[in-house]
Amino acid sequence: MPLNQNRSPAISVAMCTYNGERYLREQLDSIADQTMLPSELVICDDGSVDSTPEIVADFTRSAPFEVKFTRNPTNLGSTKNFEKAIRLCRGELIALCDQDDVWNDCKLARLVNEFADSSIGGVFSDGELIGDKSQGLDTTLWLAFGFTSKMREQWQAKGPIPIFVKQDIVTGATLMFRAKLRESFVPISPLWIHDGWIAWIIAVTDRKSTRLNSSH
């Protein structure tokens, strides 16, 4: 179903946490500072033994959107934990989120803008790499992956499959997709990392369904 252009789409952010106390609050605050707020933040914790649950609880008290926090009784690992978080999301669009990033305030708005084209199923972006104190490292994900301008031109001309055959270039923390595609890639194969699996399935399900976006 195409997005209703007379309103903003409902956005779910799916975050996985595991002993993330060192970085988590900064990331949570950056989500709360978005120019386009999500409808909900779904957090699945994979058995943290640090102060992660307390940090989430404190954030929840003032968050400008609903926060749903679930603690796994046993450790699922990153891929299956993301699968669980994705299953719990209720929005029309789902954005994946790592616990140790910091989002630019226009991130969600920039990604959502691409979905004005009803043929687009998923969007991912470049990202600025930062150090353990959130300092810029003067490089980006795409530079680190060797995802060159020539490769991006090839993507636009021939689609993602020829590039995916050679290498994975989609980082889950930059990915947003339509929730209606969820059933095409869930359950996620235990032999894959979640972001590579999701990108592949979206790409092969609909050759027009994944578009690049140069926002960070």
Protein backbone atom coordinates (compact mmCIF):
# COMPACT_ATOMS: atom_id res chain seq x y z
CA MET A 1 0.00 0.00 0.00
CA PRO A 2 1.50 3.39 -0.95
CA LEU A 3 2.06 5.91 1.79
CA ASN A 4 -0.69 8.46 2.28
CA GLN A 5 0.99 11.67 1.14
CA ASN A 6 -1.39 13.80 3.25
CA ARG A 7 0.15 12.63 6.48
CA SER A 8 3.47 11.49 7.88
CA PRO A 9 3.94 7.72 7.94
CA ALA A 10 4.11 5.90 11.25
CA ILE A 11 7.78 5.11 11.88
CA SER A 12 9.06 2.37 14.15
CA VAL A 13 12.68 2.32 15.29
CA ALA A 14 13.93 -1.18 16.11
CA MET A 15 16.91 -1.09 18.48
CA CYS A 16 18.88 -3.96 19.98
CA THR A 17 20.86 -3.52 23.18
CA TYR A 18 23.46 -5.56 25.00
CA ASN A 19 25.63 -4.06 27.75
CA GLY A 20 25.42 -0.70 26.01
CA GLU A 21 25.60 1.66 28.99
CA ARG A 22 28.69 3.47 27.69
CA TYR A 23 27.00 4.81 24.55
CA LEU A 24 23.27 4.21 24.86
CA ARG A 25 22.01 7.48 26.33
CA GLU A 26 23.65 9.58 23.62
CA GLN A 27 21.97 7.48 20.94
CA LEU A 28 18.59 7.61 22.66
CA ASP A 29 18.84 11.40 22.93
CA SER A 30 19.70 11.67 19.23
CA ILE A 31 16.51 9.75 18.36
CA ALA A 32 14.48 12.09 20.56
CA ASP A 33 16.06 15.07 18.75
CA GLN A 34 14.91 13.99 15.27
CA THR A 35 13.15 16.59 13.15
CA MET A 36 10.67 13.82 12.27
CA LEU A 37 9.97 11.77 15.36
CA PRO A 38 9.17 8.06 15.25
CA SER A 39 5.84 6.77 16.50
CA GLU A 40 7.59 4.21 18.66
CA LEU A 41 10.98 2.94 19.73
CA VAL A 42 11.12 -0.84 20.16
CA ILE A 43 14.11 -1.99 22.21
CA CYS A 44 14.99 -5.65 22.65
CA ASP A 45 17.69 -6.27 25.24
CA ASP A 46 19.72 -9.44 24.92
CA GLY A 47 20.53 -10.02 28.59
CA SER A 48 22.51 -6.94 29.61
CA VAL A 49 24.15 -7.12 33.03
CA ASP A 50 25.10 -3.44 33.15
CA SER A 51 22.89 -0.37 33.62
CA THR A 52 21.28 -0.57 30.16
CA PRO A 53 17.74 -1.28 31.53
CA GLU A 54 17.98 1.65 33.96
CA ILE A 55 19.15 4.00 31.21
CA VAL A 56 16.19 2.98 29.05
CA ALA A 57 13.78 3.39 31.96
CA ASP A 58 15.08 6.89 32.67
CA PHE A 59 14.82 7.86 29.00
CA THR A 60 11.29 6.47 28.76
CA ARG A 61 10.03 8.89 31.40
CA SER A 62 10.62 11.89 29.13
CA ALA A 63 10.66 10.36 25.62
CA PRO A 64 8.46 12.19 23.08
CA PHE A 65 7.23 8.86 21.67
CA GLU A 66 6.25 5.43 22.95
CA VAL A 67 9.12 3.23 24.12
CA LYS A 68 8.62 -0.52 24.32
CA PHE A 69 11.39 -2.35 26.18
CA THR A 70 11.67 -6.15 26.16
CA ARG A 71 14.34 -8.23 27.90
CA ASN A 72 15.12 -11.63 26.42
CA PRO A 73 15.15 -14.48 28.99
CA THR A 74 18.09 -16.03 27.11
CA ASN A 75 20.71 -14.50 24.84
CA LEU A 76 19.57 -14.64 21.20
CA GLY A 77 22.56 -13.04 19.50
CA SER A 78 22.44 -9.93 17.34
CA THR A 79 20.66 -11.34 14.28
CA LYS A 80 17.81 -13.08 16.11
CA ASN A 81 17.47 -10.16 18.50
CA PHE A 82 16.94 -7.81 15.56
CA GLU A 83 14.45 -10.26 14.11
CA LYS A 84 12.49 -10.13 17.37
CA ALA A 85 12.56 -6.31 17.47
CA ILE A 86 11.40 -6.11 13.85
CA ARG A 87 8.50 -8.48 14.56
CA LEU A 88 7.33 -6.23 17.43
CA CYS A 89 7.23 -3.04 15.35
CA ARG A 90 3.82 -1.61 14.39
CA GLY A 91 4.77 1.27 12.10
CA GLU A 92 4.47 1.45 8.32
CA LEU A 93 8.21 2.06 8.04
CA ILE A 94 10.87 0.39 10.19
CA ALA A 95 14.32 1.87 10.81
CA LEU A 96 17.02 -0.30 12.36
CA CYS A 97 19.14 1.16 15.12
CA ASP A 98 22.42 0.22 16.84
CA GLN A 99 22.99 1.16 20.46
CA ASP A 100 26.37 2.83 19.94
CA ASP A 101 25.61 5.28 17.11
CA VAL A 102 24.57 8.93 17.15
CA TRP A 103 21.99 10.01 14.58
CA ASN A 104 22.03 13.30 12.71
CA ASP A 105 18.80 15.09 13.51
CA CYS A 106 17.49 14.83 9.92
CA LYS A 107 18.16 11.11 9.50
CA LEU A 108 14.59 9.83 9.71
CA ALA A 109 13.17 12.70 7.67
CA ARG A 110 15.71 12.17 4.88
CA LEU A 111 15.02 8.45 4.67
CA VAL A 112 11.24 8.82 4.86
CA ASN A 113 11.34 11.32 1.99
CA GLU A 114 12.49 8.55 -0.38
CA PHE A 115 9.33 6.56 0.25
CA ALA A 116 7.21 9.15 -1.56
CA ASP A 117 7.94 6.83 -4.51
CA SER A 118 5.56 3.95 -3.85
CA SER A 119 7.83 1.50 -5.69
CA ILE A 120 10.57 1.91 -3.09
CA GLY A 121 10.69 -0.88 -0.53
CA GLY A 122 13.88 -0.03 1.32
CA VAL A 123 16.44 2.74 1.64
CA PHE A 124 19.90 2.82 3.17
CA SER A 125 22.45 5.57 3.48
CA ASP A 126 26.08 6.38 3.98
CA GLY A 127 27.21 7.21 7.51
CA GLU A 128 29.98 9.20 9.14
CA LEU A 129 32.32 7.03 11.21
CA ILE A 130 32.99 8.16 14.78
CA GLY A 131 35.33 7.07 17.55
CA ASP A 132 34.57 5.83 21.06
CA LYS A 133 34.10 9.41 22.27
CA SER A 134 31.82 10.32 19.34
CA GLN A 135 34.64 12.21 17.64
CA GLY A 136 34.56 12.32 13.84
CA LEU A 137 37.08 10.11 12.05
CA ASP A 138 36.95 11.99 8.73
CA THR A 139 35.71 9.01 6.78
CA THR A 140 32.42 7.29 5.98
CA LEU A 141 30.94 3.82 5.72
CA TRP A 142 30.88 3.91 1.93
CA LEU A 143 34.53 4.93 1.75
CA ALA A 144 35.43 2.14 4.16
CA PHE A 145 33.51 -0.39 2.04
CA GLY A 146 34.95 0.92 -1.22
CA PHE A 147 31.43 1.74 -2.43
CA THR A 148 32.57 4.20 -5.07
CA SER A 149 30.65 6.70 -7.17
CA LYS A 150 31.17 4.37 -10.15
CA MET A 151 29.51 1.53 -8.23
CA ARG A 152 26.63 3.82 -7.27
CA GLU A 153 26.14 4.69 -10.95
CA GLN A 154 26.09 0.97 -11.73
CA TRP A 155 23.45 0.50 -9.02
CA GLN A 156 21.25 3.16 -10.58
CA ALA A 157 21.65 1.61 -14.03
CA LYS A 158 21.40 -2.10 -13.22
CA GLY A 159 20.07 -2.37 -9.68
CA PRO A 160 21.70 -3.84 -6.57
CA ILE A 161 22.08 -7.51 -7.50
CA PRO A 162 25.38 -7.24 -9.47
CA ILE A 163 26.92 -5.35 -6.54
CA PHE A 164 25.51 -7.62 -3.83
CA VAL A 165 27.04 -10.63 -5.61
CA LYS A 166 30.48 -9.10 -5.04
CA GLN A 167 30.11 -7.61 -1.56
CA ASP A 168 27.75 -6.50 1.18
CA ILE A 169 27.40 -2.73 1.30
CA VAL A 170 24.19 -2.23 3.31
CA THR A 171 24.72 -1.37 6.96
CA GLY A 172 21.68 -2.21 9.07
CA ALA A 173 21.97 0.92 11.20
CA THR A 174 21.34 3.03 8.08
CA LEU A 175 18.45 0.92 6.76
CA MET A 176 14.73 1.72 6.62
CA PHE A 177 12.14 -0.48 4.91
CA ARG A 178 8.40 -0.90 4.51
CA ALA A 179 6.90 -3.07 7.21
CA LYS A 180 4.78 -4.90 4.63
CA LEU A 181 7.99 -6.54 3.34
CA ARG A 182 8.74 -8.04 6.74
CA GLU A 183 7.07 -11.36 5.97
CA SER A 184 9.34 -11.83 2.96
CA PHE A 185 12.53 -11.98 5.05
CA VAL A 186 11.36 -13.17 8.49
CA PRO A 187 12.58 -15.53 9.85
CA ILE A 188 16.13 -14.39 9.16
CA SER A 189 18.51 -17.16 8.21
CA PRO A 190 20.89 -18.01 11.09
CA LEU A 191 23.66 -18.28 8.50
CA TRP A 192 23.45 -14.56 7.68
CA ILE A 193 23.94 -11.25 9.43
CA HIS A 194 20.54 -9.54 9.62
CA ASP A 195 21.35 -6.51 7.44
CA GLY A 196 22.81 -8.50 4.56
CA TRP A 197 19.86 -10.91 4.61
CA ILE A 198 17.23 -8.17 4.66
CA ALA A 199 18.91 -6.23 1.84
CA TRP A 200 19.22 -9.33 -0.34
CA ILE A 201 15.63 -10.44 0.16
CA ILE A 202 14.21 -6.99 -0.54
CA ALA A 203 16.37 -6.72 -3.65
CA VAL A 204 15.43 -10.11 -5.10
CA THR A 205 11.75 -9.80 -4.14
CA ASP A 206 11.35 -6.59 -6.13
CA ARG A 207 14.21 -5.36 -8.32
CA LYS A 208 13.03 -1.75 -7.84
CA SER A 209 12.62 -1.96 -4.11
CA THR A 210 15.93 -0.71 -2.73
CA ARG A 211 17.15 2.83 -3.35
CA LEU A 212 20.33 4.57 -2.29
CA ASN A 213 20.22 7.71 -0.21
CA SER A 214 23.27 9.86 0.50
CA SER A 215 22.07 11.20 3.85
CA HIS A 216 24.13 10.40 6.95
